[in-house]
């Protein structure tokens, strides 16, 4: 009943996921569509996650620079791992293992290896992401999946507070209470016809998107939502490890020591 298409050369992305011939994730039909918005198909890997203000951050006393690919907000948006070609380690009918090794810091200013394992079964799609620091020094890490579902009638996700942001979509450092519409997300919220966009602290690790459940590992500590102003036929439910602009916050990112690994897991299944 489950079918998946994985594209190693497009960031190892899941460019199609179907259950009983019905699209679960928004499929990539034409690669030209990526020029309009590369983030809104499948589940692109974001590393670093979301926005880094001015594209700059300081780690252990040294300044690092990322490309300013969102000039209107003076930010780096979503990093560039999603554009990289992954190597195929192995592939069977129900499992694919992909790997990206970046020793030259082409896509991130620290050497790393990222191994992704996709497994399909009668229960759904499981994905395992393992990030390894292959450098000689420590490495900061924020990690997110821009998981883009076909828009459901309604959805719910366990959130408790909102990460306040400024006009450039950069967090102010404050968490604020959920408003009335955001409080509905924790129970049952429509997606169509309203604007859904924000950063939230997680208080659980399973979201419901229409008839599907999206379960993620506990080290994803935030949820991000975006629905293209409720007019695009999509709903992004994004599990994130670390805060938005987290590379610029002492408590906003993971730190991996040399040879240390961090593992993230997700599962999409029928409820």
Protein backbone atom coordinates (compact mmCIF):
# COMPACT_ATOMS: atom_id res chain seq x y z
CA UNK A 1 0.00 0.00 0.00
CA UNK A 2 2.94 2.36 0.67
CA UNK A 3 5.18 3.68 -2.09
CA UNK A 4 8.11 6.08 -1.87
CA UNK A 5 10.48 7.73 -4.32
CA UNK A 6 13.83 8.95 -3.01
CA UNK A 7 16.15 11.19 -5.04
CA UNK A 8 19.81 11.02 -3.89
CA UNK A 9 20.99 13.86 -6.14
CA UNK A 10 18.35 16.24 -4.76
CA UNK A 11 19.53 16.26 -1.19
CA UNK A 12 18.43 12.69 -0.56
CA UNK A 13 14.86 13.99 -0.49
CA UNK A 14 11.63 11.98 -0.43
CA UNK A 15 10.12 13.38 -3.61
CA UNK A 16 6.99 11.20 -3.43
CA UNK A 17 5.20 9.24 -0.72
CA UNK A 18 1.87 7.54 -1.40
CA UNK A 19 -0.52 5.40 0.58
CA UNK A 20 -2.98 3.37 -1.48
CA UNK A 21 -2.10 5.57 -4.50
CA UNK A 22 -2.91 8.76 -2.55
CA UNK A 23 -0.18 11.40 -2.13
CA UNK A 24 0.79 11.85 1.51
CA UNK A 25 3.66 14.28 0.99
CA UNK A 26 3.49 16.97 -1.68
CA UNK A 27 5.22 15.29 -4.63
CA UNK A 28 7.82 16.83 -6.90
CA UNK A 29 6.43 16.46 -10.42
CA UNK A 30 8.78 18.76 -12.32
CA UNK A 31 12.28 19.76 -11.20
CA UNK A 32 11.65 23.23 -12.63
CA UNK A 33 9.28 23.75 -9.70
CA UNK A 34 12.29 23.73 -7.37
CA UNK A 35 13.36 27.08 -8.83
CA UNK A 36 10.18 28.63 -7.42
CA UNK A 37 10.56 27.19 -3.92
CA UNK A 38 12.91 24.24 -3.27
CA UNK A 39 11.60 23.65 0.25
CA UNK A 40 7.99 22.73 -0.44
CA UNK A 41 8.27 19.21 -1.86
CA UNK A 42 8.81 16.02 0.13
CA UNK A 43 10.89 16.40 3.27
CA UNK A 44 14.09 18.39 2.56
CA UNK A 45 16.88 18.16 5.14
CA UNK A 46 17.66 21.54 6.73
CA UNK A 47 21.11 21.93 8.28
CA UNK A 48 21.38 24.39 9.88
CA UNK A 49 17.68 24.68 10.59
CA UNK A 50 15.53 27.58 9.46
CA UNK A 51 17.05 31.09 9.69
CA UNK A 52 20.47 32.31 10.81
CA UNK A 53 20.43 36.09 11.15
CA UNK A 54 22.87 37.90 8.84
CA UNK A 55 24.20 34.46 7.92
CA UNK A 56 26.75 34.80 10.73
CA UNK A 57 27.39 33.11 14.05
CA UNK A 58 30.23 32.82 16.54
CA UNK A 59 31.21 29.43 17.91
CA UNK A 60 33.98 28.94 20.46
CA UNK A 61 35.32 32.41 19.74
CA UNK A 62 35.46 32.12 15.96
CA UNK A 63 33.10 33.76 13.47
CA UNK A 64 31.51 31.69 10.72
CA UNK A 65 29.60 32.92 7.68
CA UNK A 66 26.78 31.30 5.71
CA UNK A 67 25.44 32.60 2.37
CA UNK A 68 22.74 35.28 2.58
CA UNK A 69 20.17 33.42 0.51
CA UNK A 70 17.19 35.31 1.96
CA UNK A 71 18.30 38.93 1.45
CA UNK A 72 14.88 40.41 2.22
CA UNK A 73 15.30 39.22 5.81
CA UNK A 74 19.10 39.48 5.89
CA UNK A 75 19.34 35.77 6.70
CA UNK A 76 20.64 32.43 5.69
CA UNK A 77 17.56 30.27 5.20
CA UNK A 78 17.65 26.48 5.71
CA UNK A 79 21.32 25.93 4.79
CA UNK A 80 22.41 24.14 1.62
CA UNK A 81 22.52 20.41 2.47
CA UNK A 82 19.19 20.02 0.66
CA UNK A 83 20.97 20.85 -2.63
CA UNK A 84 23.76 18.29 -2.25
CA UNK A 85 24.02 14.96 -4.08
CA UNK A 86 24.14 11.99 -1.72
CA UNK A 87 25.95 8.74 -2.46
CA UNK A 88 23.87 5.56 -2.55
CA UNK A 89 25.32 3.13 -0.01
CA UNK A 90 22.75 0.41 -0.60
CA UNK A 91 19.25 -0.05 -1.96
CA UNK A 92 16.69 -2.84 -1.81
CA UNK A 93 12.99 -3.00 -2.57
CA UNK A 94 12.09 -1.61 0.85
CA UNK A 95 15.21 0.19 2.10
CA UNK A 96 17.65 2.83 0.84
CA UNK A 97 20.79 4.04 2.60
CA UNK A 98 22.29 7.33 1.45
CA UNK A 99 25.37 9.18 2.66
CA UNK A 100 26.86 12.64 2.29
CA UNK A 101 30.45 13.21 3.40
CA UNK A 102 31.56 16.84 3.41
CA UNK A 103 35.20 17.04 4.44
CA UNK A 104 35.76 20.31 2.57
CA UNK A 105 32.98 22.22 4.38
CA UNK A 106 31.18 22.89 1.11
CA UNK A 107 27.65 22.86 2.56
CA UNK A 108 28.38 23.66 6.22
CA UNK A 109 31.43 25.30 7.82
CA UNK A 110 32.35 22.12 9.72
CA UNK A 111 33.34 18.70 8.34
CA UNK A 112 30.50 16.21 8.78
CA UNK A 113 28.97 13.00 7.48
CA UNK A 114 25.23 12.51 7.19
CA UNK A 115 23.79 9.01 6.72
CA UNK A 116 20.10 8.66 5.91
CA UNK A 117 18.23 5.35 6.00
CA UNK A 118 14.72 5.16 4.55
CA UNK A 119 12.67 2.03 5.29
CA UNK A 120 9.26 1.20 3.86
CA UNK A 121 6.93 -1.39 5.39
CA UNK A 122 3.23 -2.18 5.63
CA UNK A 123 3.14 0.25 8.55
CA UNK A 124 4.55 3.26 6.68
CA UNK A 125 7.82 5.10 6.07
CA UNK A 126 10.59 5.30 8.66
CA UNK A 127 13.61 7.56 8.27
CA UNK A 128 16.80 7.56 10.30
CA UNK A 129 19.24 10.50 10.07
CA UNK A 130 22.69 10.21 11.61
CA UNK A 131 24.96 13.28 11.71
CA UNK A 132 28.62 12.68 12.58
CA UNK A 133 31.28 15.25 13.36
CA UNK A 134 34.31 14.12 11.32
CA UNK A 135 36.41 17.18 12.13
CA UNK A 136 39.09 17.68 14.79
CA UNK A 137 37.13 20.27 16.77
CA UNK A 138 33.64 20.65 18.19
CA UNK A 139 30.69 21.26 15.83
CA UNK A 140 27.41 23.10 16.55
CA UNK A 141 24.29 21.58 15.06
CA UNK A 142 20.66 22.47 14.45
CA UNK A 143 18.62 20.08 12.32
CA UNK A 144 15.15 20.17 10.78
CA UNK A 145 13.00 18.41 8.20
CA UNK A 146 10.80 20.64 6.04
CA UNK A 147 8.16 17.92 5.83
CA UNK A 148 5.52 19.09 3.35
CA UNK A 149 2.22 17.23 3.51
CA UNK A 150 -0.62 17.50 1.06
CA UNK A 151 -2.92 19.86 2.92
CA UNK A 152 -5.38 18.03 5.17
CA UNK A 153 -8.76 19.22 6.37
CA UNK A 154 -7.35 19.50 9.88
CA UNK A 155 -4.31 18.64 11.96
CA UNK A 156 -2.98 18.69 15.51
CA UNK A 157 0.47 18.84 17.06
CA UNK A 158 1.72 18.92 20.66
CA UNK A 159 2.99 22.47 21.33
CA UNK A 160 2.90 24.57 24.49
CA UNK A 161 4.46 27.99 23.82
CA UNK A 162 5.42 30.11 20.81
CA UNK A 163 8.93 31.32 20.01
CA UNK A 164 8.36 35.07 19.56
CA UNK A 165 9.87 36.50 16.37
CA UNK A 166 10.58 39.93 14.93
CA UNK A 167 9.72 41.35 11.49
CA UNK A 168 12.62 39.39 9.96
CA UNK A 169 11.27 36.10 11.40
CA UNK A 170 14.17 35.98 13.89
CA UNK A 171 13.34 34.93 17.47
CA UNK A 172 13.54 37.65 20.10
CA UNK A 173 14.64 35.17 22.75
CA UNK A 174 11.23 35.12 24.43
CA UNK A 175 8.64 32.37 24.55
CA UNK A 176 5.07 33.66 24.68
CA UNK A 177 1.70 31.99 25.33
CA UNK A 178 -0.23 30.53 22.42
CA UNK A 179 -3.01 32.66 20.99
CA UNK A 180 -6.48 31.22 20.41
CA UNK A 181 -5.77 29.85 16.93
CA UNK A 182 -2.42 28.40 18.03
CA UNK A 183 -4.07 26.71 21.00
CA UNK A 184 -6.33 24.90 18.53
CA UNK A 185 -3.25 23.32 16.92
CA UNK A 186 -2.59 21.37 20.11
CA UNK A 187 -6.10 19.87 19.83
CA UNK A 188 -7.58 20.14 16.32
CA UNK A 189 -7.03 22.96 13.86
CA UNK A 190 -8.18 23.55 10.29
CA UNK A 191 -5.41 24.20 7.80
CA UNK A 192 -7.29 25.57 4.83
CA UNK A 193 -8.42 29.18 4.74
CA UNK A 194 -6.14 30.49 7.48
CA UNK A 195 -2.49 31.51 7.69
CA UNK A 196 -0.37 29.11 9.73
CA UNK A 197 3.26 30.10 10.26
CA UNK A 198 5.34 30.01 13.42
CA UNK A 199 7.91 28.44 15.71
CA UNK A 200 6.83 26.47 18.76
CA UNK A 201 8.31 24.48 21.62
CA UNK A 202 7.34 20.82 21.50
CA UNK A 203 5.55 19.13 24.36
CA UNK A 204 5.20 15.82 22.55
CA UNK A 205 6.52 14.06 19.51
CA UNK A 206 3.58 12.87 17.41
CA UNK A 207 1.59 15.13 15.10
CA UNK A 208 -1.63 14.19 13.33
CA UNK A 209 -1.97 15.41 9.76
CA UNK A 210 -5.40 14.46 8.47
CA UNK A 211 -5.51 10.67 8.35
CA UNK A 212 -1.78 10.26 9.03
CA UNK A 213 0.45 10.34 12.09
CA UNK A 214 3.94 11.82 12.05
CA UNK A 215 6.03 10.55 14.94
CA UNK A 216 9.55 11.83 15.61
CA UNK A 217 12.34 11.14 18.09
CA UNK A 218 12.41 13.07 21.37
CA UNK A 219 15.53 15.05 20.46
CA UNK A 220 13.36 17.13 18.13
CA UNK A 221 12.42 19.81 20.66
CA UNK A 222 10.53 22.28 18.42
CA UNK A 223 7.80 22.20 15.78
CA UNK A 224 7.61 24.67 12.88
CA UNK A 225 4.48 25.19 10.76
CA UNK A 226 3.87 26.80 7.37
CA UNK A 227 0.94 26.47 4.98
CA UNK A 228 1.59 28.99 2.20
CA UNK A 229 -1.07 31.36 3.57
CA UNK A 230 -3.65 28.57 3.37
CA UNK A 231 -3.89 28.88 -0.40
CA UNK A 232 -1.21 26.48 -1.67
CA UNK A 233 -2.64 23.03 -0.96
CA UNK A 234 0.15 22.15 1.46
CA UNK A 235 0.96 22.01 5.15
CA UNK A 236 4.54 21.89 6.41
CA UNK A 237 4.88 20.17 9.78
CA UNK A 238 8.56 20.47 10.58
CA UNK A 239 10.27 18.75 13.51
CA UNK A 240 13.34 20.73 14.56
CA UNK A 241 16.26 20.07 16.90
CA UNK A 242 17.43 23.38 18.30
CA UNK A 243 15.96 26.86 18.06
CA UNK A 244 15.49 29.08 15.04
CA UNK A 245 18.68 31.19 14.82
CA UNK A 246 19.97 28.64 17.31
CA UNK A 247 23.59 28.91 16.18
CA UNK A 248 23.51 32.39 17.71
CA UNK A 249 22.12 31.19 21.05
CA UNK A 250 24.14 29.47 23.76
CA UNK A 251 21.21 27.12 24.48
CA UNK A 252 19.91 26.96 20.92
CA UNK A 253 21.98 24.17 19.40
CA UNK A 254 23.57 20.78 19.94
CA UNK A 255 27.36 20.51 20.23
CA UNK A 256 29.05 17.42 18.78
CA UNK A 257 32.60 16.61 19.82
CA UNK A 258 34.97 14.99 17.28
CA UNK A 259 33.63 11.60 16.11
CA UNK A 260 30.40 12.11 18.05
CA UNK A 261 27.09 11.32 16.32
CA UNK A 262 23.57 12.62 16.72
CA UNK A 263 20.66 10.53 15.49
CA UNK A 264 17.15 11.66 14.53
CA UNK A 265 14.22 9.39 13.64
CA UNK A 266 10.81 9.92 12.03
CA UNK A 267 7.89 7.71 11.01
CA UNK A 268 4.85 8.49 8.87
CA UNK A 269 2.00 6.02 9.16
CA UNK A 270 -1.77 5.71 8.78
CA UNK A 271 -3.61 6.42 12.00
